[in-house]
Amino acid sequence: MDEIDDSMVEILYKNSGMRLDEWISMIQILNLDNQEKIIKFLMDHEGLTYRTARFIAFKVLLKQKSKKA
């Protein structure tokens, strides 16, 4: 991760009380595999901002992609 990612991860934990890996696990358990669905879920059900939800969605999809490779 780069410096911006580290900062986002810190802010995410500070604001939500959950670490990035916990958010990723939750999305994987829910079987959400589409960026728009992930963002919508996080905004509607978890109250996250678009920017934060998009960051999490990006990380989830990146992890899913690396597992398939």
PDB file of N, CA and C in Angstrom:
ATOM      1  N   MET A   1       0.844  -1.184   0.000  1.00  0.00           N
ATOM      2  CA  MET A   1       0.000   0.000   0.000  1.00  0.00           C
ATOM      3  C   MET A   1       0.886   1.243   0.000  1.00  0.00           C
ATOM      4  N   ASP A   2       0.367   2.289  -0.584  1.00  0.00           N
ATOM      5  CA  ASP A   2       1.124   3.528  -0.587  1.00  0.00           C
ATOM      6  C   ASP A   2       0.658   4.427   0.560  1.00  0.00           C
ATOM      7  N   GLU A   3       1.218   5.607   0.625  1.00  0.00           N
ATOM      8  CA  GLU A   3       0.940   6.532   1.725  1.00  0.00           C
ATOM      9  C   GLU A   3      -0.533   6.941   1.782  1.00  0.00           C
ATOM     10  N   ILE A   4      -1.139   7.153   0.630  1.00  0.00           N
ATOM     11  CA  ILE A   4      -2.554   7.535   0.587  1.00  0.00           C
ATOM     12  C   ILE A   4      -3.415   6.393   1.111  1.00  0.00           C
ATOM     13  N   ASP A   5      -3.111   5.167   0.701  1.00  0.00           N
ATOM     14  CA  ASP A   5      -3.849   4.002   1.192  1.00  0.00           C
ATOM     15  C   ASP A   5      -3.721   3.876   2.707  1.00  0.00           C
ATOM     16  N   ASP A   6      -2.509   4.051   3.207  1.00  0.00           N
ATOM     17  CA  ASP A   6      -2.288   3.968   4.651  1.00  0.00           C
ATOM     18  C   ASP A   6      -3.131   4.990   5.390  1.00  0.00           C
ATOM     19  N   SER A   7      -3.190   6.189   4.856  1.00  0.00           N
ATOM     20  CA  SER A   7      -3.984   7.255   5.464  1.00  0.00           C
ATOM     21  C   SER A   7      -5.470   6.906   5.446  1.00  0.00           C
ATOM     22  N   MET A   8      -5.937   6.396   4.316  1.00  0.00           N
ATOM     23  CA  MET A   8      -7.354   6.011   4.200  1.00  0.00           C
ATOM     24  C   MET A   8      -7.686   4.885   5.178  1.00  0.00           C
ATOM     25  N   VAL A   9      -6.790   3.929   5.329  1.00  0.00           N
ATOM     26  CA  VAL A   9      -7.008   2.807   6.242  1.00  0.00           C
ATOM     27  C   VAL A   9      -7.100   3.318   7.682  1.00  0.00           C
ATOM     28  N   GLU A  10      -6.225   4.247   8.046  1.00  0.00           N
ATOM     29  CA  GLU A  10      -6.259   4.820   9.390  1.00  0.00           C
ATOM     30  C   GLU A  10      -7.560   5.574   9.641  1.00  0.00           C
ATOM     31  N   ILE A  11      -7.965   6.379   8.680  1.00  0.00           N
ATOM     32  CA  ILE A  11      -9.209   7.142   8.807  1.00  0.00           C
ATOM     33  C   ILE A  11     -10.402   6.204   8.876  1.00  0.00           C
ATOM     34  N   LEU A  12     -10.396   5.169   8.057  1.00  0.00           N
ATOM     35  CA  LEU A  12     -11.472   4.179   8.054  1.00  0.00           C
ATOM     36  C   LEU A  12     -11.635   3.552   9.433  1.00  0.00           C
ATOM     37  N   TYR A  13     -10.534   3.137  10.025  1.00  0.00           N
ATOM     38  CA  TYR A  13     -10.580   2.526  11.356  1.00  0.00           C
ATOM     39  C   TYR A  13     -11.022   3.532  12.412  1.00  0.00           C
ATOM     40  N   LYS A  14     -10.491   4.736  12.328  1.00  0.00           N
ATOM     41  CA  LYS A  14     -10.843   5.773  13.304  1.00  0.00           C
ATOM     42  C   LYS A  14     -12.331   6.099  13.253  1.00  0.00           C
ATOM     43  N   ASN A  15     -12.902   6.174  12.054  1.00  0.00           N
ATOM     44  CA  ASN A  15     -14.299   6.567  11.898  1.00  0.00           C
ATOM     45  C   ASN A  15     -15.295   5.427  12.072  1.00  0.00           C
ATOM     46  N   SER A  16     -14.869   4.195  11.767  1.00  0.00           N
ATOM     47  CA  SER A  16     -15.831   3.087  11.789  1.00  0.00           C
ATOM     48  C   SER A  16     -15.561   2.061  12.887  1.00  0.00           C
ATOM     49  N   GLY A  17     -14.333   2.036  13.383  1.00  0.00           N
ATOM     50  CA  GLY A  17     -13.968   1.029  14.371  1.00  0.00           C
ATOM     51  C   GLY A  17     -13.672  -0.326  13.760  1.00  0.00           C
ATOM     52  N   MET A  18     -13.679  -0.383  12.430  1.00  0.00           N
ATOM     53  CA  MET A  18     -13.375  -1.636  11.724  1.00  0.00           C
ATOM     54  C   MET A  18     -12.161  -1.442  10.836  1.00  0.00           C
ATOM     55  N   ARG A  19     -11.310  -2.459  10.800  1.00  0.00           N
ATOM     56  CA  ARG A  19     -10.134  -2.423   9.924  1.00  0.00           C
ATOM     57  C   ARG A  19     -10.546  -2.809   8.496  1.00  0.00           C
ATOM     58  N   LEU A  20      -9.700  -2.451   7.550  1.00  0.00           N
ATOM     59  CA  LEU A  20      -9.989  -2.729   6.142  1.00  0.00           C
ATOM     60  C   LEU A  20     -10.235  -4.212   5.912  1.00  0.00           C
ATOM     61  N   ASP A  21      -9.437  -5.075   6.517  1.00  0.00           N
ATOM     62  CA  ASP A  21      -9.628  -6.515   6.298  1.00  0.00           C
ATOM     63  C   ASP A  21     -10.981  -6.988   6.826  1.00  0.00           C
ATOM     64  N   GLU A  22     -11.516  -6.328   7.840  1.00  0.00           N
ATOM     65  CA  GLU A  22     -12.849  -6.683   8.343  1.00  0.00           C
ATOM     66  C   GLU A  22     -13.930  -6.268   7.352  1.00  0.00           C
ATOM     67  N   TRP A  23     -13.764  -5.090   6.746  1.00  0.00           N
ATOM     68  CA  TRP A  23     -14.717  -4.651   5.723  1.00  0.00           C
ATOM     69  C   TRP A  23     -14.679  -5.597   4.525  1.00  0.00           C
ATOM     70  N   ILE A  24     -13.466  -5.970   4.109  1.00  0.00           N
ATOM     71  CA  ILE A  24     -13.309  -6.872   2.969  1.00  0.00           C
ATOM     72  C   ILE A  24     -13.984  -8.209   3.272  1.00  0.00           C
ATOM     73  N   SER A  25     -13.768  -8.738   4.460  1.00  0.00           N
ATOM     74  CA  SER A  25     -14.383 -10.016   4.842  1.00  0.00           C
ATOM     75  C   SER A  25     -15.905  -9.924   4.815  1.00  0.00           C
ATOM     76  N   MET A  26     -16.458  -8.813   5.312  1.00  0.00           N
ATOM     77  CA  MET A  26     -17.906  -8.648   5.320  1.00  0.00           C
ATOM     78  C   MET A  26     -18.463  -8.663   3.898  1.00  0.00           C
ATOM     79  N   ILE A  27     -17.815  -7.940   2.994  1.00  0.00           N
ATOM     80  CA  ILE A  27     -18.282  -7.892   1.606  1.00  0.00           C
ATOM     81  C   ILE A  27     -18.174  -9.267   0.959  1.00  0.00           C
ATOM     82  N   GLN A  28     -17.106  -9.991   1.255  1.00  0.00           N
ATOM     83  CA  GLN A  28     -16.943 -11.333   0.692  1.00  0.00           C
ATOM     84  C   GLN A  28     -18.016 -12.282   1.226  1.00  0.00           C
ATOM     85  N   ILE A  29     -18.345 -12.191   2.498  1.00  0.00           N
ATOM     86  CA  ILE A  29     -19.393 -13.031   3.083  1.00  0.00           C
ATOM     87  C   ILE A  29     -20.736 -12.752   2.414  1.00  0.00           C
ATOM     88  N   LEU A  30     -20.978 -11.474   2.092  1.00  0.00           N
ATOM     89  CA  LEU A  30     -22.234 -11.090   1.443  1.00  0.00           C
ATOM     90  C   LEU A  30     -22.246 -11.417  -0.050  1.00  0.00           C
ATOM     91  N   ASN A  31     -21.116 -11.902  -0.563  1.00  0.00           N
ATOM     92  CA  ASN A  31     -20.996 -12.277  -1.976  1.00  0.00           C
ATOM     93  C   ASN A  31     -21.248 -11.118  -2.938  1.00  0.00           C
ATOM     94  N   LEU A  32     -20.854  -9.922  -2.545  1.00  0.00           N
ATOM     95  CA  LEU A  32     -20.981  -8.776  -3.443  1.00  0.00           C
ATOM     96  C   LEU A  32     -19.730  -8.723  -4.300  1.00  0.00           C
ATOM     97  N   ASP A  33     -19.913  -8.755  -5.623  1.00  0.00           N
ATOM     98  CA  ASP A  33     -18.759  -8.815  -6.517  1.00  0.00           C
ATOM     99  C   ASP A  33     -18.777  -7.746  -7.599  1.00  0.00           C
ATOM    100  N   ASN A  34     -19.622  -6.756  -7.420  1.00  0.00           N
ATOM    101  CA  ASN A  34     -19.759  -5.682  -8.385  1.00  0.00           C
ATOM    102  C   ASN A  34     -19.535  -4.361  -7.650  1.00  0.00           C
ATOM    103  N   GLN A  35     -18.713  -3.484  -8.237  1.00  0.00           N
ATOM    104  CA  GLN A  35     -18.359  -2.238  -7.562  1.00  0.00           C
ATOM    105  C   GLN A  35     -19.588  -1.421  -7.172  1.00  0.00           C
ATOM    106  N   GLU A  36     -20.540  -1.293  -8.068  1.00  0.00           N
ATOM    107  CA  GLU A  36     -21.726  -0.489  -7.772  1.00  0.00           C
ATOM    108  C   GLU A  36     -22.540  -1.089  -6.628  1.00  0.00           C
ATOM    109  N   LYS A  37     -22.672  -2.407  -6.604  1.00  0.00           N
ATOM    110  CA  LYS A  37     -23.421  -3.062  -5.528  1.00  0.00           C
ATOM    111  C   LYS A  37     -22.719  -2.886  -4.181  1.00  0.00           C
ATOM    112  N   ILE A  38     -21.397  -3.004  -4.191  1.00  0.00           N
ATOM    113  CA  ILE A  38     -20.630  -2.843  -2.956  1.00  0.00           C
ATOM    114  C   ILE A  38     -20.789  -1.427  -2.427  1.00  0.00           C
ATOM    115  N   ILE A  39     -20.615  -0.447  -3.302  1.00  0.00           N
ATOM    116  CA  ILE A  39     -20.727   0.952  -2.888  1.00  0.00           C
ATOM    117  C   ILE A  39     -22.129   1.243  -2.372  1.00  0.00           C
ATOM    118  N   LYS A  40     -23.134   0.784  -3.084  1.00  0.00           N
ATOM    119  CA  LYS A  40     -24.522   1.021  -2.660  1.00  0.00           C
ATOM    120  C   LYS A  40     -24.779   0.402  -1.291  1.00  0.00           C
ATOM    121  N   PHE A  41     -24.347  -0.827  -1.089  1.00  0.00           N
ATOM    122  CA  PHE A  41     -24.530  -1.485   0.203  1.00  0.00           C
ATOM    123  C   PHE A  41     -23.851  -0.695   1.317  1.00  0.00           C
ATOM    124  N   LEU A  42     -22.600  -0.330   1.101  1.00  0.00           N
ATOM    125  CA  LEU A  42     -21.848   0.364   2.148  1.00  0.00           C
ATOM    126  C   LEU A  42     -22.439   1.729   2.477  1.00  0.00           C
ATOM    127  N   MET A  43     -22.926   2.418   1.465  1.00  0.00           N
ATOM    128  CA  MET A  43     -23.527   3.729   1.709  1.00  0.00           C
ATOM    129  C   MET A  43     -24.905   3.591   2.363  1.00  0.00           C
ATOM    130  N   ASP A  44     -25.730   2.694   1.836  1.00  0.00           N
ATOM    131  CA  ASP A  44     -27.105   2.552   2.326  1.00  0.00           C
ATOM    132  C   ASP A  44     -27.192   1.873   3.683  1.00  0.00           C
ATOM    133  N   HIS A  45     -26.399   0.837   3.899  1.00  0.00           N
ATOM    134  CA  HIS A  45     -26.536   0.022   5.113  1.00  0.00           C
ATOM    135  C   HIS A  45     -25.499   0.315   6.188  1.00  0.00           C
ATOM    136  N   GLU A  46     -24.359   0.860   5.787  1.00  0.00           N
ATOM    137  CA  GLU A  46     -23.298   1.127   6.764  1.00  0.00           C
ATOM    138  C   GLU A  46     -23.058   2.614   6.975  1.00  0.00           C
ATOM    139  N   GLY A  47     -23.718   3.456   6.179  1.00  0.00           N
ATOM    140  CA  GLY A  47     -23.619   4.900   6.348  1.00  0.00           C
ATOM    141  C   GLY A  47     -22.285   5.512   5.945  1.00  0.00           C
ATOM    142  N   LEU A  48     -21.540   4.824   5.088  1.00  0.00           N
ATOM    143  CA  LEU A  48     -20.250   5.340   4.658  1.00  0.00           C
ATOM    144  C   LEU A  48     -20.429   6.368   3.550  1.00  0.00           C
ATOM    145  N   THR A  49     -19.447   7.241   3.425  1.00  0.00           N
ATOM    146  CA  THR A  49     -19.457   8.210   2.332  1.00  0.00           C
ATOM    147  C   THR A  49     -19.110   7.499   1.031  1.00  0.00           C
ATOM    148  N   TYR A  50     -19.407   8.153  -0.078  1.00  0.00           N
ATOM    149  CA  TYR A  50     -19.098   7.568  -1.380  1.00  0.00           C
ATOM    150  C   TYR A  50     -17.608   7.280  -1.501  1.00  0.00           C
ATOM    151  N   ARG A  51     -16.778   8.226  -1.104  1.00  0.00           N
ATOM    152  CA  ARG A  51     -15.324   8.062  -1.230  1.00  0.00           C
ATOM    153  C   ARG A  51     -14.832   6.850  -0.432  1.00  0.00           C
ATOM    154  N   THR A  52     -15.308   6.711   0.781  1.00  0.00           N
ATOM    155  CA  THR A  52     -14.888   5.598   1.625  1.00  0.00           C
ATOM    156  C   THR A  52     -15.399   4.273   1.064  1.00  0.00           C
ATOM    157  N   ALA A  53     -16.664   4.258   0.639  1.00  0.00           N
ATOM    158  CA  ALA A  53     -17.247   3.037   0.074  1.00  0.00           C
ATOM    159  C   ALA A  53     -16.519   2.636  -1.202  1.00  0.00           C
ATOM    160  N   ARG A  54     -16.148   3.611  -2.004  1.00  0.00           N
ATOM    161  CA  ARG A  54     -15.435   3.329  -3.252  1.00  0.00           C
ATOM    162  C   ARG A  54     -14.046   2.765  -2.971  1.00  0.00           C
ATOM    163  N   PHE A  55     -13.377   3.296  -1.957  1.00  0.00           N
ATOM    164  CA  PHE A  55     -12.060   2.789  -1.559  1.00  0.00           C
ATOM    165  C   PHE A  55     -12.163   1.322  -1.146  1.00  0.00           C
ATOM    166  N   ILE A  56     -13.150   1.009  -0.316  1.00  0.00           N
ATOM    167  CA  ILE A  56     -13.331  -0.377   0.133  1.00  0.00           C
ATOM    168  C   ILE A  56     -13.663  -1.274  -1.054  1.00  0.00           C
ATOM    169  N   ALA A  57     -14.566  -0.833  -1.915  1.00  0.00           N
ATOM    170  CA  ALA A  57     -14.949  -1.623  -3.091  1.00  0.00           C
ATOM    171  C   ALA A  57     -13.728  -1.909  -3.965  1.00  0.00           C
ATOM    172  N   PHE A  58     -12.889  -0.904  -4.169  1.00  0.00           N
ATOM    173  CA  PHE A  58     -11.685  -1.081  -4.969  1.00  0.00           C
ATOM    174  C   PHE A  58     -10.791  -2.151  -4.356  1.00  0.00           C
ATOM    175  N   LYS A  59     -10.609  -2.095  -3.047  1.00  0.00           N
ATOM    176  CA  LYS A  59      -9.744  -3.055  -2.364  1.00  0.00           C
ATOM    177  C   LYS A  59     -10.337  -4.469  -2.408  1.00  0.00           C
ATOM    178  N   VAL A  60     -11.647  -4.579  -2.267  1.00  0.00           N
ATOM    179  CA  VAL A  60     -12.307  -5.890  -2.343  1.00  0.00           C
ATOM    180  C   VAL A  60     -12.100  -6.500  -3.722  1.00  0.00           C
ATOM    181  N   LEU A  61     -12.379  -5.728  -4.748  1.00  0.00           N
ATOM    182  CA  LEU A  61     -12.264  -6.238  -6.112  1.00  0.00           C
ATOM    183  C   LEU A  61     -10.814  -6.540  -6.479  1.00  0.00           C
ATOM    184  N   LEU A  62      -9.886  -5.752  -5.980  1.00  0.00           N
ATOM    185  CA  LEU A  62      -8.468  -6.016  -6.207  1.00  0.00           C
ATOM    186  C   LEU A  62      -8.067  -7.347  -5.570  1.00  0.00           C
ATOM    187  N   LYS A  63      -8.552  -7.583  -4.381  1.00  0.00           N
ATOM    188  CA  LYS A  63      -8.247  -8.852  -3.702  1.00  0.00           C
ATOM    189  C   LYS A  63      -8.875 -10.033  -4.432  1.00  0.00           C
ATOM    190  N   GLN A  64     -10.120  -9.870  -4.904  1.00  0.00           N
ATOM    191  CA  GLN A  64     -10.783 -10.937  -5.652  1.00  0.00           C
ATOM    192  C   GLN A  64     -10.030 -11.237  -6.944  1.00  0.00           C
ATOM    193  N   LYS A  65      -9.567 -10.185  -7.603  1.00  0.00           N
ATOM    194  CA  LYS A  65      -8.837 -10.342  -8.858  1.00  0.00           C
ATOM    195  C   LYS A  65      -7.513 -11.078  -8.628  1.00  0.00           C
ATOM    196  N   SER A  66      -6.838 -10.748  -7.539  1.00  0.00           N
ATOM    197  CA  SER A  66      -5.551 -11.396  -7.268  1.00  0.00           C
ATOM    198  C   SER A  66      -5.728 -12.872  -6.894  1.00  0.00           C
ATOM    199  N   LYS A  67      -6.875 -13.223  -6.327  1.00  0.00           N
ATOM    200  CA  LYS A  67      -7.143 -14.621  -6.000  1.00  0.00           C
ATOM    201  C   LYS A  67      -7.381 -15.441  -7.254  1.00  0.00           C
ATOM    202  N   LYS A  68      -7.989 -14.813  -8.274  1.00  0.00           N
ATOM    203  CA  LYS A  68      -8.294 -15.522  -9.512  1.00  0.00           C
ATOM    204  C   LYS A  68      -7.048 -15.722 -10.376  1.00  0.00           C
ATOM    205  N   ALA A  69      -6.079 -14.859 -10.205  1.00  0.00           N
ATOM    206  CA  ALA A  69      -4.868 -14.924 -11.044  1.00  0.00           C
ATOM    207  C   ALA A  69      -3.956 -16.058 -10.659  1.00  0.00           C
TER     208      ALA A  69
END
